[in-house]
Amino acid sequence: MRIMATRRSHSNLWEVTGGPCSLQSAAMGLQELSVERYEGVADDQRILLLRGPITMETAPQFERAVCHESAETMILDLSDVPYIDSVGLGSLVRAYVSHQKTGRCLVLTGMKPRVRRIMEITKVNEFFVTFGTTWEAVEALANTGTA
């Protein structure tokens, strides 16, 4: 097994290749976040499907998307979010606090193990109502009204 670390010209970014898993820190910083908006089964329910990491670079986009929603219940589908950094974690907490202050409900679904682990380590997971899938959340919220 050969592992190589090369410095990208004219930058402080390193690219590590080889080994059982390759890490390209330069590429990680360039990943984008896309947000798709869907109506829930109830009129006051919205689903935001997030694709990409929630990081320092993408947190402003995430916060704008969440801020523009006024539904009583918002489901954030994180099944296509590969990782979050500390800024992304802070953005999730801000979204939670904002919803709580206005009497609204924020639910997280589909967390990948890496995202779930960072939330468990920081104890942030204790704030959120979570479901394995968006469909489970939609069904549970339809049966109870709110989480």
Foldseek 3Di string as FASTA:
>chain_A
DDWDWDADPPDRFIWIDDDPDGDGPVVLVVWEKDWDWDQAPDNLEIEIEIAEAAEPVHLVVVLVVLVPRDRQEYEYECQRHPAYDPSSLVSVVVSLVVSVVVNGAYAYENDDPRHVVVCVVVVVVVSHHYDHHPVVVSVVCVVVVGD
